[in-house]
Amino acid sequence: MAYSRKFLTVGALGVAAFALIGAGASATFNDSVDANQRVTAGTMNLQITDGAGGTVTQDGKTVTLLPFGPASSTFETVHRDIVVTNNGDIPVKSLAFKMGGTYAGSDTSYVFWHQVNVCIQSTRAGGSPFTEGNGPLTAAVALSPTVSNNPLSLAPGQWMTFSVDFYAGMDSSQCGPSYSDSKKNTLNWKQALGGNYTTPASLTNDAMGGVITPKLTFSFTG
């Protein structure tokens, strides 16, 4: 009798254990998918590819134009179109021009600096020249930026030109009698100079022998 009870007990435990496994365990399939992408930052590389006869630095970022002078009291420098090419691998947009420079440490150079005018133009590839800013050099230097460029997109490999001419005693043969072809830049120049464009006067005797070295910086964004 005792043997029979022992057998039944063991059997009951076995059934109970089996029932526990059956009720508490479940089979679940798990899987996943992924998305990934390689992103590479582009490189901006604007270079001067034609310095219009000037000396271009090895990195193509700066051109020193041929010297001009001695200048008469009424003069205009030789017009030269500088070619800028997008040698990077991303599109860029022209942003602004900023005029600066230096003058020799003399009274005559100081006067010369204050009596010279500047004509800044840009040209789309295959387009017509666009007057960015035109008027007294001192106004061009004081404005920041000198002119805000109407954004011009350059895809990799595309090019454009810009020019900077200096003159006195006459209207620029390139820019003519106006501050700019841009309404916004015209307004900025008019406010800076307190009125409409006027034909500049010739250099005075106090400017004789003066030496100036203007500098134009053309910036892009990309």
N, C-alpha and C. Protein backbone atom coordinates (compact mmCIF):
# COMPACT_ATOMS: atom_id res chain seq x y z
N MET A 1 0.83 -1.20 0.00
CA MET A 1 0.00 0.00 0.00
C MET A 1 0.86 1.25 0.00
N ALA A 2 1.90 1.21 0.81
CA ALA A 2 2.82 2.34 0.88
C ALA A 2 3.52 2.53 -0.46
N TYR A 3 3.87 1.48 -1.16
CA TYR A 3 4.54 1.55 -2.46
C TYR A 3 3.66 2.25 -3.46
N SER A 4 2.36 1.91 -3.40
CA SER A 4 1.43 2.52 -4.35
C SER A 4 1.33 4.00 -4.13
N ARG A 5 1.27 4.47 -2.90
CA ARG A 5 1.17 5.90 -2.62
C ARG A 5 2.41 6.63 -3.10
N LYS A 6 3.57 6.04 -2.92
CA LYS A 6 4.80 6.68 -3.37
C LYS A 6 4.79 6.85 -4.87
N PHE A 7 4.33 5.93 -5.61
CA PHE A 7 4.29 5.98 -7.06
C PHE A 7 3.33 7.06 -7.53
N LEU A 8 2.21 7.15 -6.89
CA LEU A 8 1.22 8.15 -7.29
C LEU A 8 1.73 9.56 -7.03
N THR A 9 2.43 9.69 -5.92
CA THR A 9 2.97 11.01 -5.59
C THR A 9 3.94 11.49 -6.65
N VAL A 10 4.84 10.64 -7.01
CA VAL A 10 5.81 10.99 -8.05
C VAL A 10 5.12 11.29 -9.35
N GLY A 11 4.12 10.52 -9.65
CA GLY A 11 3.38 10.75 -10.91
C GLY A 11 2.68 12.09 -10.90
N ALA A 12 2.14 12.46 -9.77
CA ALA A 12 1.43 13.74 -9.68
C ALA A 12 2.38 14.90 -9.86
N LEU A 13 3.55 14.78 -9.29
CA LEU A 13 4.55 15.85 -9.46
C LEU A 13 4.96 15.99 -10.91
N GLY A 14 5.06 14.91 -11.58
CA GLY A 14 5.44 14.95 -12.99
C GLY A 14 4.39 15.63 -13.82
N VAL A 15 3.15 15.37 -13.56
CA VAL A 15 2.06 16.01 -14.31
C VAL A 15 2.03 17.50 -14.01
N ALA A 16 2.22 17.86 -12.73
CA ALA A 16 2.19 19.27 -12.35
C ALA A 16 3.31 20.04 -13.04
N ALA A 17 4.47 19.46 -13.10
CA ALA A 17 5.60 20.11 -13.74
C ALA A 17 5.34 20.31 -15.22
N PHE A 18 4.78 19.39 -15.88
CA PHE A 18 4.49 19.47 -17.30
C PHE A 18 3.47 20.56 -17.57
N ALA A 19 2.47 20.65 -16.70
CA ALA A 19 1.44 21.67 -16.87
C ALA A 19 2.04 23.07 -16.71
N LEU A 20 3.02 23.26 -15.81
CA LEU A 20 3.64 24.55 -15.58
C LEU A 20 4.41 25.02 -16.81
N ILE A 21 5.13 24.11 -17.43
CA ILE A 21 5.88 24.47 -18.64
C ILE A 21 4.94 24.82 -19.77
N GLY A 22 3.91 24.12 -19.91
CA GLY A 22 2.98 24.36 -21.01
C GLY A 22 2.26 25.69 -20.87
N ALA A 23 1.95 26.11 -19.66
CA ALA A 23 1.17 27.33 -19.46
C ALA A 23 2.04 28.59 -19.48
N GLY A 24 3.32 28.55 -19.06
CA GLY A 24 4.12 29.75 -18.89
C GLY A 24 5.07 30.06 -20.02
N ALA A 25 5.34 29.21 -20.97
CA ALA A 25 6.31 29.44 -22.04
C ALA A 25 5.59 29.71 -23.35
N SER A 26 6.16 30.60 -24.19
CA SER A 26 5.60 30.86 -25.51
C SER A 26 6.75 31.06 -26.49
N ALA A 27 6.57 30.74 -27.74
CA ALA A 27 7.60 30.88 -28.78
C ALA A 27 7.34 32.17 -29.54
N THR A 28 8.32 33.13 -29.59
CA THR A 28 8.19 34.42 -30.29
C THR A 28 9.34 34.60 -31.25
N PHE A 29 9.05 34.90 -32.53
CA PHE A 29 10.08 35.19 -33.51
C PHE A 29 10.45 36.67 -33.46
N ASN A 30 11.72 36.97 -33.47
CA ASN A 30 12.18 38.36 -33.45
C ASN A 30 13.05 38.62 -34.68
N ASP A 31 12.89 39.83 -35.27
CA ASP A 31 13.68 40.20 -36.42
C ASP A 31 13.80 41.73 -36.46
N SER A 32 14.68 42.30 -37.25
CA SER A 32 14.83 43.75 -37.35
C SER A 32 15.42 44.12 -38.70
N VAL A 33 15.18 45.37 -39.10
CA VAL A 33 15.79 45.91 -40.33
C VAL A 33 16.48 47.22 -39.98
N ASP A 34 17.51 47.58 -40.73
CA ASP A 34 18.29 48.79 -40.47
C ASP A 34 18.36 49.66 -41.72
N ALA A 35 18.51 50.96 -41.51
CA ALA A 35 18.77 51.90 -42.60
C ALA A 35 20.02 52.70 -42.25
N ASN A 36 20.94 52.78 -43.16
CA ASN A 36 22.13 53.60 -42.93
C ASN A 36 22.52 54.30 -44.23
N GLN A 37 23.21 55.39 -44.10
CA GLN A 37 23.59 56.18 -45.26
C GLN A 37 24.93 56.86 -44.99
N ARG A 38 25.80 56.84 -45.95
CA ARG A 38 27.08 57.53 -45.83
C ARG A 38 26.91 58.97 -46.35
N VAL A 39 27.29 59.94 -45.54
CA VAL A 39 27.17 61.34 -45.90
C VAL A 39 28.56 61.97 -45.88
N THR A 40 28.93 62.60 -46.98
CA THR A 40 30.25 63.21 -47.10
C THR A 40 30.11 64.72 -47.26
N ALA A 41 30.83 65.49 -46.47
CA ALA A 41 30.81 66.94 -46.59
C ALA A 41 31.58 67.36 -47.85
N GLY A 42 31.00 68.30 -48.59
CA GLY A 42 31.64 68.79 -49.80
C GLY A 42 32.75 69.78 -49.48
N THR A 43 33.43 70.20 -50.52
CA THR A 43 34.56 71.12 -50.37
C THR A 43 34.35 72.34 -51.25
N MET A 44 34.41 73.53 -50.65
CA MET A 44 34.39 74.76 -51.43
C MET A 44 35.80 75.09 -51.89
N ASN A 45 35.91 75.49 -53.13
CA ASN A 45 37.22 75.87 -53.65
C ASN A 45 37.05 76.83 -54.81
N LEU A 46 36.91 78.11 -54.49
CA LEU A 46 36.84 79.15 -55.51
C LEU A 46 38.24 79.61 -55.83
N GLN A 47 38.58 79.66 -57.11
CA GLN A 47 39.93 80.05 -57.50
C GLN A 47 39.90 81.05 -58.64
N ILE A 48 40.86 81.95 -58.63
CA ILE A 48 41.05 82.87 -59.74
C ILE A 48 41.79 82.12 -60.83
N THR A 49 41.11 81.86 -61.93
CA THR A 49 41.70 81.07 -63.01
C THR A 49 42.21 81.94 -64.15
N ASP A 50 41.89 83.23 -64.12
CA ASP A 50 42.46 84.17 -65.08
C ASP A 50 42.61 85.51 -64.36
N GLY A 51 43.85 85.88 -64.09
CA GLY A 51 44.12 87.11 -63.35
C GLY A 51 44.22 88.34 -64.20
N ALA A 52 43.80 88.28 -65.46
CA ALA A 52 43.79 89.45 -66.34
C ALA A 52 45.16 90.11 -66.44
N GLY A 53 46.18 89.28 -66.48
CA GLY A 53 47.54 89.80 -66.61
C GLY A 53 48.23 90.06 -65.29
N GLY A 54 47.51 89.93 -64.19
CA GLY A 54 48.10 90.14 -62.88
C GLY A 54 48.79 88.89 -62.36
N THR A 55 49.35 88.98 -61.17
CA THR A 55 50.04 87.85 -60.55
C THR A 55 49.09 87.15 -59.59
N VAL A 56 48.81 85.88 -59.84
CA VAL A 56 47.90 85.09 -59.02
C VAL A 56 48.70 84.21 -58.08
N THR A 57 48.30 84.18 -56.81
CA THR A 57 48.99 83.34 -55.84
C THR A 57 48.79 81.87 -56.17
N GLN A 58 49.65 81.02 -55.62
CA GLN A 58 49.62 79.60 -55.93
C GLN A 58 48.29 78.95 -55.57
N ASP A 59 47.65 79.42 -54.51
CA ASP A 59 46.37 78.83 -54.11
C ASP A 59 45.20 79.40 -54.91
N GLY A 60 45.47 80.36 -55.78
CA GLY A 60 44.41 80.90 -56.63
C GLY A 60 43.43 81.82 -55.91
N LYS A 61 43.78 82.31 -54.73
CA LYS A 61 42.84 83.10 -53.95
C LYS A 61 43.05 84.62 -54.09
N THR A 62 44.21 85.04 -54.55
CA THR A 62 44.53 86.46 -54.61
C THR A 62 45.22 86.79 -55.92
N VAL A 63 44.84 87.93 -56.51
CA VAL A 63 45.52 88.41 -57.69
C VAL A 63 45.99 89.84 -57.43
N THR A 64 47.21 90.13 -57.79
CA THR A 64 47.74 91.48 -57.72
C THR A 64 47.81 92.01 -59.15
N LEU A 65 46.97 93.00 -59.44
CA LEU A 65 46.90 93.53 -60.79
C LEU A 65 48.14 94.37 -61.11
N LEU A 66 48.36 94.56 -62.38
CA LEU A 66 49.51 95.35 -62.82
C LEU A 66 49.39 96.77 -62.28
N PRO A 67 50.49 97.36 -61.88
CA PRO A 67 50.45 98.75 -61.39
C PRO A 67 49.96 99.70 -62.48
N PHE A 68 49.37 100.79 -62.04
CA PHE A 68 48.90 101.82 -62.97
C PHE A 68 49.47 103.17 -62.55
N GLY A 69 49.91 103.94 -63.53
CA GLY A 69 50.42 105.27 -63.22
C GLY A 69 51.76 105.53 -63.90
N PRO A 70 52.21 106.77 -63.76
CA PRO A 70 51.61 107.89 -63.04
C PRO A 70 50.27 108.33 -63.66
N ALA A 71 49.29 108.60 -62.81
CA ALA A 71 47.96 108.98 -63.26
C ALA A 71 47.86 110.50 -63.36
N SER A 72 47.15 110.97 -64.37
CA SER A 72 46.85 112.39 -64.50
C SER A 72 45.74 112.76 -63.53
N SER A 73 45.40 114.05 -63.49
CA SER A 73 44.35 114.49 -62.57
C SER A 73 42.99 113.91 -62.97
N THR A 74 42.81 113.67 -64.26
CA THR A 74 41.63 112.94 -64.74
C THR A 74 42.15 111.63 -65.35
N PHE A 75 41.67 110.52 -64.82
CA PHE A 75 42.21 109.23 -65.28
C PHE A 75 41.20 108.12 -65.05
N GLU A 76 41.48 106.99 -65.67
CA GLU A 76 40.74 105.75 -65.43
C GLU A 76 41.71 104.60 -65.66
N THR A 77 41.75 103.66 -64.73
CA THR A 77 42.65 102.53 -64.87
C THR A 77 42.17 101.61 -66.00
N VAL A 78 43.08 100.76 -66.46
CA VAL A 78 42.75 99.82 -67.53
C VAL A 78 41.76 98.77 -67.01
N HIS A 79 40.66 98.60 -67.74
CA HIS A 79 39.64 97.63 -67.31
C HIS A 79 40.15 96.20 -67.51
N ARG A 80 40.02 95.40 -66.48
CA ARG A 80 40.47 94.01 -66.55
C ARG A 80 39.43 93.11 -65.90
N ASP A 81 38.98 92.09 -66.62
CA ASP A 81 38.02 91.12 -66.10
C ASP A 81 38.76 89.93 -65.50
N ILE A 82 38.52 89.68 -64.22
CA ILE A 82 39.15 88.58 -63.49
C ILE A 82 38.18 87.40 -63.46
N VAL A 83 38.65 86.23 -63.83
CA VAL A 83 37.79 85.04 -63.91
C VAL A 83 37.91 84.22 -62.63
N VAL A 84 36.75 83.90 -62.05
CA VAL A 84 36.69 83.06 -60.85
C VAL A 84 35.95 81.77 -61.22
N THR A 85 36.54 80.63 -60.89
CA THR A 85 35.96 79.33 -61.24
C THR A 85 35.68 78.52 -59.98
N ASN A 86 34.55 77.84 -59.97
CA ASN A 86 34.23 76.95 -58.86
C ASN A 86 34.92 75.61 -59.10
N ASN A 87 36.08 75.44 -58.48
CA ASN A 87 36.83 74.20 -58.60
C ASN A 87 36.57 73.24 -57.45
N GLY A 88 35.52 73.51 -56.68
CA GLY A 88 35.12 72.60 -55.62
C GLY A 88 34.15 71.55 -56.13
N ASP A 89 33.54 70.81 -55.21
CA ASP A 89 32.60 69.76 -55.62
C ASP A 89 31.19 70.01 -55.12
N ILE A 90 30.90 71.26 -54.70
CA ILE A 90 29.55 71.63 -54.29
C ILE A 90 29.19 72.97 -54.95
N PRO A 91 27.89 73.22 -55.19
CA PRO A 91 27.50 74.52 -55.74
C PRO A 91 27.70 75.62 -54.70
N VAL A 92 28.00 76.83 -55.16
CA VAL A 92 28.22 77.96 -54.27
C VAL A 92 27.42 79.15 -54.78
N LYS A 93 27.28 80.15 -53.91
CA LYS A 93 26.60 81.39 -54.29
C LYS A 93 27.49 82.58 -53.96
N SER A 94 27.57 83.52 -54.91
CA SER A 94 28.30 84.74 -54.63
C SER A 94 27.56 85.51 -53.56
N LEU A 95 28.29 86.13 -52.66
CA LEU A 95 27.67 86.70 -51.47
C LEU A 95 27.84 88.22 -51.38
N ALA A 96 29.08 88.70 -51.40
CA ALA A 96 29.30 90.13 -51.19
C ALA A 96 30.69 90.54 -51.63
N PHE A 97 30.85 91.83 -51.89
CA PHE A 97 32.15 92.44 -52.13
C PHE A 97 32.48 93.35 -50.95
N LYS A 98 33.74 93.33 -50.52
CA LYS A 98 34.19 94.25 -49.47
C LYS A 98 35.46 94.94 -49.94
N MET A 99 35.40 96.27 -49.94
CA MET A 99 36.53 97.08 -50.38
C MET A 99 37.40 97.44 -49.19
N GLY A 100 38.69 97.40 -49.39
CA GLY A 100 39.64 97.80 -48.36
C GLY A 100 40.89 98.31 -49.02
N GLY A 101 42.01 98.23 -48.31
CA GLY A 101 43.27 98.65 -48.90
C GLY A 101 44.06 99.56 -47.99
N THR A 102 45.14 100.08 -48.54
CA THR A 102 46.04 100.94 -47.77
C THR A 102 46.52 102.09 -48.65
N TYR A 103 47.06 103.11 -48.00
CA TYR A 103 47.73 104.17 -48.73
C TYR A 103 49.05 104.47 -48.03
N ALA A 104 50.01 104.92 -48.83
CA ALA A 104 51.34 105.19 -48.28
C ALA A 104 51.26 106.27 -47.20
N GLY A 105 52.21 106.22 -46.28
CA GLY A 105 52.17 107.13 -45.13
C GLY A 105 52.59 108.54 -45.45
N SER A 106 51.81 109.22 -46.27
CA SER A 106 52.12 110.60 -46.61
C SER A 106 50.82 111.37 -46.78
N ASP A 107 50.90 112.69 -46.65
CA ASP A 107 49.71 113.52 -46.82
C ASP A 107 49.16 113.41 -48.23
N THR A 108 50.03 113.35 -49.22
CA THR A 108 49.56 113.27 -50.61
C THR A 108 48.81 111.96 -50.86
N SER A 109 49.28 110.88 -50.27
CA SER A 109 48.60 109.60 -50.44
C SER A 109 47.24 109.62 -49.75
N TYR A 110 47.17 110.26 -48.60
CA TYR A 110 45.90 110.39 -47.89
C TYR A 110 44.89 111.16 -48.74
N VAL A 111 45.32 112.24 -49.35
CA VAL A 111 44.43 113.03 -50.21
C VAL A 111 44.02 112.23 -51.44
N PHE A 112 44.99 111.56 -52.04
CA PHE A 112 44.71 110.73 -53.21
C PHE A 112 43.65 109.69 -52.88
N TRP A 113 43.79 109.02 -51.75
CA TRP A 113 42.84 108.00 -51.30
C TRP A 113 41.42 108.58 -51.22
N HIS A 114 41.31 109.81 -50.77
CA HIS A 114 40.00 110.43 -50.58
C HIS A 114 39.43 111.07 -51.84
N GLN A 115 40.20 111.06 -52.94
CA GLN A 115 39.71 111.67 -54.17
C GLN A 115 39.49 110.67 -55.31
N VAL A 116 39.78 109.40 -55.04
CA VAL A 116 39.64 108.36 -56.06
C VAL A 116 38.26 107.72 -55.96
N ASN A 117 37.75 107.28 -57.10
CA ASN A 117 36.47 106.57 -57.17
C ASN A 117 36.69 105.14 -57.66
N VAL A 118 35.73 104.28 -57.38
CA VAL A 118 35.86 102.87 -57.75
C VAL A 118 34.59 102.38 -58.44
N CYS A 119 34.77 101.54 -59.43
CA CYS A 119 33.67 100.90 -60.16
C CYS A 119 33.85 99.39 -60.02
N ILE A 120 32.85 98.72 -59.42
CA ILE A 120 32.90 97.27 -59.19
C ILE A 120 31.80 96.61 -60.02
N GLN A 121 32.17 95.64 -60.83
CA GLN A 121 31.20 94.93 -61.65
C GLN A 121 31.42 93.43 -61.57
N SER A 122 30.35 92.68 -61.87
CA SER A 122 30.45 91.23 -62.01
C SER A 122 29.68 90.83 -63.26
N THR A 123 30.03 89.66 -63.78
CA THR A 123 29.39 89.18 -65.01
C THR A 123 29.16 87.69 -64.91
N ARG A 124 27.93 87.29 -65.14
CA ARG A 124 27.64 85.86 -65.24
C ARG A 124 28.25 85.32 -66.52
N ALA A 125 28.56 84.03 -66.51
CA ALA A 125 29.11 83.41 -67.72
C ALA A 125 28.11 83.59 -68.86
N GLY A 126 28.53 84.27 -69.91
CA GLY A 126 27.67 84.49 -71.05
C GLY A 126 26.70 85.64 -70.89
N GLY A 127 26.76 86.36 -69.76
CA GLY A 127 25.83 87.46 -69.51
C GLY A 127 26.46 88.81 -69.73
N SER A 128 25.74 89.84 -69.32
CA SER A 128 26.21 91.21 -69.46
C SER A 128 26.76 91.71 -68.12
N PRO A 129 27.68 92.67 -68.14
CA PRO A 129 28.23 93.22 -66.89
C PRO A 129 27.13 93.83 -66.02
N PHE A 130 27.25 93.60 -64.72
CA PHE A 130 26.29 94.12 -63.74
C PHE A 130 27.06 95.02 -62.78
N THR A 131 26.65 96.27 -62.68
CA THR A 131 27.34 97.20 -61.78
C THR A 131 26.92 96.93 -60.35
N GLU A 132 27.88 96.48 -59.54
CA GLU A 132 27.62 96.18 -58.14
C GLU A 132 27.65 97.44 -57.30
N GLY A 133 28.69 98.24 -57.47
CA GLY A 133 28.82 99.48 -56.72
C GLY A 133 29.75 100.43 -57.44
N ASN A 134 29.46 101.74 -57.33
CA ASN A 134 30.23 102.72 -58.08
C ASN A 134 30.16 104.07 -57.37
N GLY A 135 31.33 104.60 -57.04
CA GLY A 135 31.37 105.89 -56.37
C GLY A 135 32.67 106.09 -55.63
N PRO A 136 32.72 107.02 -54.70
CA PRO A 136 33.96 107.30 -53.97
C PRO A 136 34.53 106.07 -53.27
N LEU A 137 35.84 105.91 -53.37
CA LEU A 137 36.51 104.78 -52.73
C LEU A 137 36.27 104.78 -51.23
N THR A 138 36.27 105.94 -50.61
CA THR A 138 36.07 106.01 -49.15
C THR A 138 34.69 105.48 -48.75
N ALA A 139 33.68 105.71 -49.59
CA ALA A 139 32.34 105.18 -49.31
C ALA A 139 32.34 103.67 -49.45
N ALA A 140 33.03 103.17 -50.47
CA ALA A 140 33.10 101.73 -50.68
C ALA A 140 33.76 101.03 -49.50
N VAL A 141 34.78 101.67 -48.93
CA VAL A 141 35.48 101.09 -47.78
C VAL A 141 34.62 101.17 -46.52
N ALA A 142 33.90 102.26 -46.36
CA ALA A 142 33.10 102.46 -45.15
C ALA A 142 31.89 101.53 -45.09
N LEU A 143 31.28 101.24 -46.23
CA LEU A 143 30.12 100.36 -46.24
C LEU A 143 30.54 98.92 -45.94
N SER A 144 29.74 98.22 -45.14
CA SER A 144 30.08 96.84 -44.78
C SER A 144 28.84 95.94 -44.90
N PRO A 145 28.79 95.10 -45.95
CA PRO A 145 29.77 95.01 -47.02
C PRO A 145 29.66 96.19 -47.97
N THR A 146 30.64 96.32 -48.84
CA THR A 146 30.58 97.39 -49.84
C THR A 146 29.34 97.25 -50.68
N VAL A 147 29.07 96.04 -51.14
CA VAL A 147 27.83 95.72 -51.84
C VAL A 147 27.40 94.32 -51.46
N SER A 148 26.08 94.14 -51.33
CA SER A 148 25.53 92.80 -51.14
C SER A 148 25.20 92.26 -52.52
N ASN A 149 25.85 91.17 -52.87
CA ASN A 149 25.69 90.63 -54.21
C ASN A 149 24.36 89.91 -54.36
N ASN A 150 23.66 90.15 -55.48
CA ASN A 150 22.48 89.34 -55.78
C ASN A 150 22.97 87.91 -56.00
N PRO A 151 22.53 86.95 -55.15
CA PRO A 151 23.13 85.62 -55.19
C PRO A 151 23.19 85.02 -56.59
N LEU A 152 24.38 84.67 -56.98
CA LEU A 152 24.62 84.03 -58.28
C LEU A 152 25.20 82.66 -58.02
N SER A 153 24.46 81.62 -58.40
CA SER A 153 24.90 80.26 -58.13
C SER A 153 25.92 79.80 -59.17
N LEU A 154 26.96 79.14 -58.67
CA LEU A 154 27.98 78.56 -59.53
C LEU A 154 28.07 77.07 -59.21
N ALA A 155 27.71 76.23 -60.17
CA ALA A 155 27.86 74.79 -59.99
C ALA A 155 29.35 74.44 -60.15
N PRO A 156 29.76 73.28 -59.66
CA PRO A 156 31.15 72.87 -59.86
C PRO A 156 31.55 72.98 -61.33
N GLY A 157 32.67 73.65 -61.58
CA GLY A 157 33.15 73.83 -62.94
C GLY A 157 32.69 75.11 -63.61
N GLN A 158 31.67 75.78 -63.06
CA GLN A 158 31.19 77.03 -63.66
C GLN A 158 32.07 78.21 -63.24
N TRP A 159 31.98 79.31 -64.00
CA TRP A 159 32.83 80.47 -63.73
C TRP A 159 32.04 81.75 -63.90
N MET A 160 32.61 82.83 -63.41
CA MET A 160 32.07 84.17 -63.58
C MET A 160 33.25 85.14 -63.56
N THR A 161 33.00 86.40 -63.87
CA THR A 161 34.06 87.39 -63.83
C THR A 161 33.67 88.53 -62.90
N PHE A 162 34.68 89.22 -62.42
CA PHE A 162 34.44 90.48 -61.71
C PHE A 162 35.57 91.44 -62.06
N SER A 163 35.32 92.71 -61.84
CA SER A 163 36.33 93.72 -62.17
C SER A 163 36.26 94.84 -61.15
N VAL A 164 37.38 95.54 -61.00
CA VAL A 164 37.43 96.71 -60.13
C VAL A 164 38.30 97.76 -60.82
N ASP A 165 37.71 98.90 -61.15
CA ASP A 165 38.38 99.98 -61.85
C ASP A 165 38.40 101.23 -60.97
N PHE A 166 39.42 102.04 -61.15
CA PHE A 166 39.57 103.27 -60.36
C PHE A 166 39.65 104.47 -61.32
N TYR A 167 39.09 105.59 -60.88
CA TYR A 167 39.02 106.73 -61.78
C TYR A 167 38.83 108.03 -61.00
N ALA A 168 39.01 109.15 -61.69
CA ALA A 168 38.78 110.48 -61.10
C ALA A 168 38.53 111.47 -62.24
N GLY A 169 37.75 112.51 -61.97
CA GLY A 169 37.51 113.58 -62.92
C GLY A 169 36.59 113.23 -64.07
N MET A 170 35.90 112.10 -64.02
CA MET A 170 35.03 111.64 -65.10
C MET A 170 34.13 110.54 -64.56
N ASP A 171 33.10 110.20 -65.33
CA ASP A 171 32.30 109.03 -65.02
C ASP A 171 33.03 107.79 -65.51
N SER A 172 32.86 106.69 -64.81
CA SER A 172 33.48 105.45 -65.24
C SER A 172 32.93 105.02 -66.59
N SER A 173 33.81 104.63 -67.50
CA SER A 173 33.35 104.15 -68.81
C SER A 173 32.66 102.80 -68.70
N GLN A 174 32.85 102.12 -67.58
CA GLN A 174 32.23 100.81 -67.37
C GLN A 174 30.91 100.91 -66.59
N CYS A 175 30.94 101.63 -65.47
CA CYS A 175 29.76 101.70 -64.60
C CYS A 175 28.80 102.83 -64.97
N GLY A 176 29.33 103.89 -65.61
CA GLY A 176 28.46 105.00 -65.97
C GLY A 176 28.06 105.85 -64.78
N PRO A 177 27.10 106.76 -64.98
CA PRO A 177 26.70 107.71 -63.92
C PRO A 177 25.63 107.15 -62.98
N SER A 178 25.95 106.10 -62.26
CA SER A 178 24.99 105.53 -61.30
C SER A 178 25.75 104.79 -60.22
N TYR A 179 25.12 104.65 -59.06
CA TYR A 179 25.75 103.94 -57.96
C TYR A 179 25.78 102.43 -58.19
N SER A 180 24.69 101.89 -58.72
CA SER A 180 24.60 100.44 -58.85
C SER A 180 23.42 100.07 -59.74
N ASP A 181 23.46 98.87 -60.30
CA ASP A 181 22.30 98.31 -61.01
C ASP A 181 21.34 97.64 -60.03
N SER A 182 21.73 97.56 -58.78
CA SER A 182 20.89 96.99 -57.72
C SER A 182 20.19 98.11 -56.96
N LYS A 183 18.89 98.03 -56.81
CA LYS A 183 18.14 99.05 -56.07
C LYS A 183 18.60 99.12 -54.62
N LYS A 184 18.84 97.96 -54.03
CA LYS A 184 19.26 97.92 -52.62
C LYS A 184 20.61 98.59 -52.45
N ASN A 185 21.57 98.25 -53.30
CA ASN A 185 22.89 98.85 -53.18
C ASN A 185 22.87 100.34 -53.51
N THR A 186 22.05 100.73 -54.46
CA THR A 186 21.90 102.15 -54.78
C THR A 186 21.43 102.93 -53.56
N LEU A 187 20.44 102.39 -52.87
CA LEU A 187 19.92 103.05 -51.67
C LEU A 187 20.99 103.15 -50.60
N ASN A 188 21.76 102.07 -50.40
CA ASN A 188 22.81 102.08 -49.38
C ASN A 188 23.87 103.13 -49.70
N TRP A 189 24.29 103.23 -50.94
CA TRP A 189 25.29 104.21 -51.33
C TRP A 189 24.73 105.62 -51.22
N LYS A 190 23.48 105.80 -51.62
CA LYS A 190 22.86 107.12 -51.55
C LYS A 190 22.78 107.60 -50.10
N GLN A 191 22.43 106.70 -49.19
CA GLN A 191 22.37 107.07 -47.77
C GLN A 191 23.76 107.37 -47.23
N ALA A 192 24.75 106.60 -47.65
CA ALA A 192 26.12 106.80 -47.15
C ALA A 192 26.70 108.12 -47.63
N LEU A 193 26.31 108.55 -48.83
CA LEU A 193 26.89 109.76 -49.42
C LEU A 193 25.96 110.97 -49.33
N GLY A 194 24.76 110.76 -48.83
CA GLY A 194 23.85 111.87 -48.61
C GLY A 194 23.22 112.46 -49.87
N GLY A 195 23.08 111.64 -50.90
CA GLY A 195 22.43 112.15 -52.10
C GLY A 195 22.69 111.29 -53.32
N ASN A 196 22.24 111.77 -54.48
CA ASN A 196 22.38 111.03 -55.73
C ASN A 196 23.83 111.06 -56.24
N TYR A 197 24.09 110.20 -57.18
CA TYR A 197 25.41 110.11 -57.79
C TYR A 197 25.76 111.43 -58.48
N THR A 198 27.00 111.85 -58.35
CA THR A 198 27.52 113.02 -59.08
C THR A 198 28.86 112.66 -59.71
N THR A 199 29.14 113.24 -60.85
CA THR A 199 30.41 113.01 -61.52
C THR A 199 31.55 113.52 -60.64
N PRO A 200 32.55 112.69 -60.39
CA PRO A 200 33.63 113.09 -59.46
C PRO A 200 34.52 114.18 -60.05
N ALA A 201 35.10 114.97 -59.16
CA ALA A 201 36.04 116.01 -59.56
C ALA A 201 37.39 115.39 -59.88
N SER A 202 38.21 116.15 -60.57
CA SER A 202 39.58 115.72 -60.86
C SER A 202 40.42 115.78 -59.59
N LEU A 203 41.54 115.11 -59.61
CA LEU A 203 42.47 115.16 -58.48
C LEU A 203 43.00 116.58 -58.30
N THR A 204 43.25 116.95 -57.08
CA THR A 204 43.83 118.26 -56.80
C THR A 204 45.34 118.16 -56.71
N ASN A 205 45.98 119.31 -56.62
CA ASN A 205 47.44 119.34 -56.50
C ASN A 205 47.93 118.58 -55.26
N ASP A 206 47.11 118.59 -54.22
CA ASP A 206 47.51 117.94 -52.97
C ASP A 206 47.62 116.42 -53.10
N ALA A 207 47.07 115.87 -54.19
CA ALA A 207 47.14 114.42 -54.39
C ALA A 207 48.34 114.00 -55.23
N MET A 208 49.07 114.96 -55.77
CA MET A 208 50.19 114.63 -56.65
C MET A 208 51.26 113.83 -55.91
N GLY A 209 51.67 112.74 -56.54
CA GLY A 209 52.70 111.88 -55.96
C GLY A 209 52.18 110.86 -54.97
N GLY A 210 50.86 110.86 -54.73
CA GLY A 210 50.28 109.91 -53.78
C GLY A 210 50.29 108.48 -54.31
N VAL A 211 50.32 107.52 -53.40
CA VAL A 211 50.32 106.10 -53.76
C VAL A 211 49.28 105.38 -52.91
N ILE A 212 48.39 104.64 -53.57
CA ILE A 212 47.37 103.87 -52.85
C ILE A 212 47.38 102.43 -53.35
N THR A 213 46.94 101.52 -52.51
CA THR A 213 46.84 100.10 -52.88
C THR A 213 45.49 99.56 -52.42
N PRO A 214 44.44 99.78 -53.23
CA PRO A 214 43.11 99.28 -52.85
C PRO A 214 43.07 97.75 -52.95
N LYS A 215 42.15 97.14 -52.21
CA LYS A 215 41.99 95.70 -52.21
C LYS A 215 40.50 95.36 -52.21
N LEU A 216 40.10 94.44 -53.07
CA LEU A 216 38.70 94.02 -53.15
C LEU A 216 38.61 92.54 -52.80
N THR A 217 37.74 92.21 -51.85
CA THR A 217 37.51 90.82 -51.45
C THR A 217 36.12 90.39 -51.90
N PHE A 218 36.05 89.28 -52.62
CA PHE A 218 34.79 88.76 -53.14
C PHE A 218 34.50 87.47 -52.39
N SER A 219 33.40 87.43 -51.64
CA SER A 219 33.12 86.26 -50.80
C SER A 219 31.97 85.42 -51.35
N PHE A 220 32.02 84.13 -51.01
CA PHE A 220 31.01 83.17 -51.46
C PHE A 220 30.53 82.35 -50.27
N THR A 221 29.39 81.69 -50.45
CA THR A 221 28.90 80.76 -49.45
C THR A 221 28.47 79.49 -50.15
N GLY A 222 28.52 78.38 -49.44
CA GLY A 222 28.16 77.11 -50.05
C GLY A 222 27.73 76.09 -49.01
